[in-house]
Amino acid sequence: MNSASAPLSSLLRYCIYFWAILVLLNFTFFTLKDIVIDTYPFKVEAGIQQSLTPELITMNKLAKANDLHSFAVSKPLDEMGYLGLRAAEFLYPIRLSQDSSSLFATKNELVPLGCHLLAQQQNIVLYDCR
């Protein structure tokens, strides 16, 4: 090797290392960004998508949109992973009460007579049972 090609080959080697590190960082960022909880951990809804089921998130949206003060959960919906207990925790200060006139149920289940549809989103339905 002559003296002029030695600096050129080391410069080429450094450029290859630089681009390899950039590619690795981009790959790491784009694959891990959905796994890592929100970059702002103190935001009001940080980590909800990663830690709660879609049914609970939908129940929360419907409860807030309909200004509920209490709610009940149907038995089939509750059996889908103890959603009644988890909803009581997540929807707080809205209270879980089996005597409530607001009933969350799944889209395909039978509801008691006298209940009419308030709202539906995805697989969750909110009924008013007075």
C-alpha atoms as a PDB file:
ATOM      1  CA  MET A   1       0.000   0.000   0.000  1.00  0.00           C
ATOM      2  CA  ASN A   2       1.241   3.410  -0.761  1.00  0.00           C
ATOM      3  CA  SER A   3       1.057   6.297   1.654  1.00  0.00           C
ATOM      4  CA  ALA A   4      -1.818   8.073  -0.149  1.00  0.00           C
ATOM      5  CA  SER A   5      -4.211   5.091   0.035  1.00  0.00           C
ATOM      6  CA  ALA A   6      -3.747   4.470   3.779  1.00  0.00           C
ATOM      7  CA  PRO A   7      -5.632   7.622   4.918  1.00  0.00           C
ATOM      8  CA  LEU A   8      -8.266   6.983   2.267  1.00  0.00           C
ATOM      9  CA  SER A   9      -8.892   3.424   3.448  1.00  0.00           C
ATOM     10  CA  SER A  10      -9.105   4.486   7.111  1.00  0.00           C
ATOM     11  CA  LEU A  11     -11.545   7.285   6.147  1.00  0.00           C
ATOM     12  CA  LEU A  12     -13.640   4.773   4.213  1.00  0.00           C
ATOM     13  CA  ARG A  13     -13.601   2.425   7.208  1.00  0.00           C
ATOM     14  CA  TYR A  14     -14.793   5.232   9.534  1.00  0.00           C
ATOM     15  CA  CYS A  15     -17.593   6.151   7.101  1.00  0.00           C
ATOM     16  CA  ILE A  16     -18.756   2.538   7.015  1.00  0.00           C
ATOM     17  CA  TYR A  17     -18.723   2.372  10.837  1.00  0.00           C
ATOM     18  CA  PHE A  18     -20.644   5.640  11.048  1.00  0.00           C
ATOM     19  CA  TRP A  19     -23.375   4.467   8.637  1.00  0.00           C
ATOM     20  CA  ALA A  20     -23.605   1.079  10.354  1.00  0.00           C
ATOM     21  CA  ILE A  21     -24.167   2.773  13.719  1.00  0.00           C
ATOM     22  CA  LEU A  22     -26.831   5.064  12.207  1.00  0.00           C
ATOM     23  CA  VAL A  23     -28.661   2.116  10.675  1.00  0.00           C
ATOM     24  CA  LEU A  24     -28.511   0.221  13.973  1.00  0.00           C
ATOM     25  CA  LEU A  25     -29.841   3.215  15.942  1.00  0.00           C
ATOM     26  CA  ASN A  26     -32.713   3.742  13.495  1.00  0.00           C
ATOM     27  CA  PHE A  27     -33.611   0.067  13.609  1.00  0.00           C
ATOM     28  CA  THR A  28     -33.546   0.075  17.420  1.00  0.00           C
ATOM     29  CA  PHE A  29     -35.661   3.226  17.686  1.00  0.00           C
ATOM     30  CA  PHE A  30     -38.359   2.122  15.255  1.00  0.00           C
ATOM     31  CA  THR A  31     -38.684  -1.391  16.670  1.00  0.00           C
ATOM     32  CA  LEU A  32     -38.708  -0.397  20.331  1.00  0.00           C
ATOM     33  CA  LYS A  33     -40.840   2.731  20.170  1.00  0.00           C
ATOM     34  CA  ASP A  34     -44.093   0.728  20.470  1.00  0.00           C
ATOM     35  CA  ILE A  35     -42.734  -1.415  23.292  1.00  0.00           C
ATOM     36  CA  VAL A  36     -41.437   1.381  25.511  1.00  0.00           C
ATOM     37  CA  ILE A  37     -44.084   3.252  27.464  1.00  0.00           C
ATOM     38  CA  ASP A  38     -44.672   6.791  26.350  1.00  0.00           C
ATOM     39  CA  THR A  39     -41.680   9.104  26.262  1.00  0.00           C
ATOM     40  CA  TYR A  40     -43.533  11.405  28.648  1.00  0.00           C
ATOM     41  CA  PRO A  41     -44.315   9.099  31.599  1.00  0.00           C
ATOM     42  CA  PHE A  42     -46.163  11.770  33.566  1.00  0.00           C
ATOM     43  CA  LYS A  43     -48.779  12.483  30.894  1.00  0.00           C
ATOM     44  CA  VAL A  44     -52.337  11.718  31.981  1.00  0.00           C
ATOM     45  CA  GLU A  45     -52.791   8.694  29.721  1.00  0.00           C
ATOM     46  CA  ALA A  46     -49.193   7.454  29.451  1.00  0.00           C
ATOM     47  CA  GLY A  47     -48.938   3.689  29.040  1.00  0.00           C
ATOM     48  CA  ILE A  48     -52.660   3.011  28.606  1.00  0.00           C
ATOM     49  CA  GLN A  49     -52.298   1.352  25.206  1.00  0.00           C
ATOM     50  CA  GLN A  50     -49.499  -0.899  26.490  1.00  0.00           C
ATOM     51  CA  SER A  51     -51.145  -1.999  29.738  1.00  0.00           C
ATOM     52  CA  LEU A  52     -54.923  -2.156  29.208  1.00  0.00           C
ATOM     53  CA  THR A  53     -57.193  -4.160  26.943  1.00  0.00           C
ATOM     54  CA  PRO A  54     -59.023  -2.436  24.076  1.00  0.00           C
ATOM     55  CA  GLU A  55     -62.337  -3.201  25.829  1.00  0.00           C
ATOM     56  CA  LEU A  56     -61.327  -1.203  28.910  1.00  0.00           C
ATOM     57  CA  ILE A  57     -60.132   1.726  26.833  1.00  0.00           C
ATOM     58  CA  THR A  58     -63.432   1.708  24.933  1.00  0.00           C
ATOM     59  CA  MET A  59     -65.435   1.528  28.172  1.00  0.00           C
ATOM     60  CA  ASN A  60     -63.545   4.546  29.465  1.00  0.00           C
ATOM     61  CA  LYS A  61     -64.260   6.547  26.299  1.00  0.00           C
ATOM     62  CA  LEU A  62     -67.959   5.660  26.399  1.00  0.00           C
ATOM     63  CA  ALA A  63     -68.240   6.447  30.116  1.00  0.00           C
ATOM     64  CA  LYS A  64     -66.668   9.877  29.684  1.00  0.00           C
ATOM     65  CA  ALA A  65     -68.690  10.671  26.565  1.00  0.00           C
ATOM     66  CA  ASN A  66     -71.968   9.819  28.333  1.00  0.00           C
ATOM     67  CA  ASP A  67     -71.028  11.509  31.634  1.00  0.00           C
ATOM     68  CA  LEU A  68     -71.633   8.421  33.761  1.00  0.00           C
ATOM     69  CA  HIS A  69     -71.520   8.503  37.558  1.00  0.00           C
ATOM     70  CA  SER A  70     -71.878   4.733  37.998  1.00  0.00           C
ATOM     71  CA  PHE A  71     -71.946   1.662  35.792  1.00  0.00           C
ATOM     72  CA  ALA A  72     -72.592  -2.066  35.807  1.00  0.00           C
ATOM     73  CA  VAL A  73     -70.840  -4.760  33.799  1.00  0.00           C
ATOM     74  CA  SER A  74     -72.661  -7.705  32.262  1.00  0.00           C
ATOM     75  CA  LYS A  75     -71.602 -11.174  33.369  1.00  0.00           C
ATOM     76  CA  PRO A  76     -70.242 -12.274  29.934  1.00  0.00           C
ATOM     77  CA  LEU A  77     -68.200  -9.087  29.687  1.00  0.00           C
ATOM     78  CA  ASP A  78     -66.882  -9.506  33.221  1.00  0.00           C
ATOM     79  CA  GLU A  79     -65.794 -13.065  32.443  1.00  0.00           C
ATOM     80  CA  MET A  80     -63.527 -11.750  29.665  1.00  0.00           C
ATOM     81  CA  GLY A  81     -60.585 -11.369  32.065  1.00  0.00           C
ATOM     82  CA  TYR A  82     -62.257  -9.876  35.131  1.00  0.00           C
ATOM     83  CA  LEU A  83     -63.122  -6.675  33.299  1.00  0.00           C
ATOM     84  CA  GLY A  84     -65.506  -5.569  36.050  1.00  0.00           C
ATOM     85  CA  LEU A  85     -62.739  -5.259  38.611  1.00  0.00           C
ATOM     86  CA  ARG A  86     -60.294  -3.747  36.146  1.00  0.00           C
ATOM     87  CA  ALA A  87     -62.968  -1.288  34.936  1.00  0.00           C
ATOM     88  CA  ALA A  88     -63.681  -0.250  38.531  1.00  0.00           C
ATOM     89  CA  GLU A  89     -60.015   0.656  38.910  1.00  0.00           C
ATOM     90  CA  PHE A  90     -59.540   2.318  35.532  1.00  0.00           C
ATOM     91  CA  LEU A  91     -62.810   4.257  35.327  1.00  0.00           C
ATOM     92  CA  TYR A  92     -62.524   5.671  38.853  1.00  0.00           C
ATOM     93  CA  PRO A  93     -64.111   8.038  40.064  1.00  0.00           C
ATOM     94  CA  ILE A  94     -67.008   6.515  38.124  1.00  0.00           C
ATOM     95  CA  ARG A  95     -68.331   3.828  40.466  1.00  0.00           C
ATOM     96  CA  LEU A  96     -68.967   0.170  39.706  1.00  0.00           C
ATOM     97  CA  SER A  97     -72.435  -0.675  41.020  1.00  0.00           C
ATOM     98  CA  GLN A  98     -74.605  -3.593  39.940  1.00  0.00           C
ATOM     99  CA  ASP A  99     -77.640  -1.394  40.754  1.00  0.00           C
ATOM    100  CA  SER A 100     -76.591   1.209  38.178  1.00  0.00           C
ATOM    101  CA  SER A 101     -78.854   1.935  35.236  1.00  0.00           C
ATOM    102  CA  SER A 102     -75.823   2.145  32.903  1.00  0.00           C
ATOM    103  CA  LEU A 103     -74.772  -1.295  31.705  1.00  0.00           C
ATOM    104  CA  PHE A 104     -71.703  -2.214  29.693  1.00  0.00           C
ATOM    105  CA  ALA A 105     -72.065  -5.365  27.592  1.00  0.00           C
ATOM    106  CA  THR A 106     -70.563  -7.006  24.542  1.00  0.00           C
ATOM    107  CA  LYS A 107     -72.030  -6.396  21.124  1.00  0.00           C
ATOM    108  CA  ASN A 108     -73.518  -9.889  20.638  1.00  0.00           C
ATOM    109  CA  GLU A 109     -74.962 -10.686  24.056  1.00  0.00           C
ATOM    110  CA  LEU A 110     -78.584 -10.572  25.125  1.00  0.00           C
ATOM    111  CA  VAL A 111     -79.478  -7.738  27.474  1.00  0.00           C
ATOM    112  CA  PRO A 112     -82.374  -7.519  29.913  1.00  0.00           C
ATOM    113  CA  LEU A 113     -85.731  -6.180  28.769  1.00  0.00           C
ATOM    114  CA  GLY A 114     -86.164  -2.459  29.234  1.00  0.00           C
ATOM    115  CA  CYS A 115     -82.598  -1.595  28.256  1.00  0.00           C
ATOM    116  CA  HIS A 116     -82.049   0.742  25.350  1.00  0.00           C
ATOM    117  CA  LEU A 117     -78.867   1.464  23.479  1.00  0.00           C
ATOM    118  CA  LEU A 118     -76.931   4.588  24.468  1.00  0.00           C
ATOM    119  CA  ALA A 119     -73.693   4.066  22.553  1.00  0.00           C
ATOM    120  CA  GLN A 120     -71.624   1.444  20.809  1.00  0.00           C
ATOM    121  CA  GLN A 121     -67.967   1.419  19.943  1.00  0.00           C
ATOM    122  CA  GLN A 122     -66.076  -1.580  18.611  1.00  0.00           C
ATOM    123  CA  ASN A 123     -67.189  -4.646  20.625  1.00  0.00           C
ATOM    124  CA  ILE A 124     -68.538  -2.725  23.646  1.00  0.00           C
ATOM    125  CA  VAL A 125     -72.115  -1.496  24.001  1.00  0.00           C
ATOM    126  CA  LEU A 126     -73.479   0.876  26.656  1.00  0.00           C
ATOM    127  CA  TYR A 127     -77.153   0.447  27.601  1.00  0.00           C
ATOM    128  CA  ASP A 128     -79.485   2.478  29.785  1.00  0.00           C
ATOM    129  CA  CYS A 129     -81.583   0.062  31.837  1.00  0.00           C
ATOM    130  CA  ARG A 130     -84.162   2.012  33.854  1.00  0.00           C
END
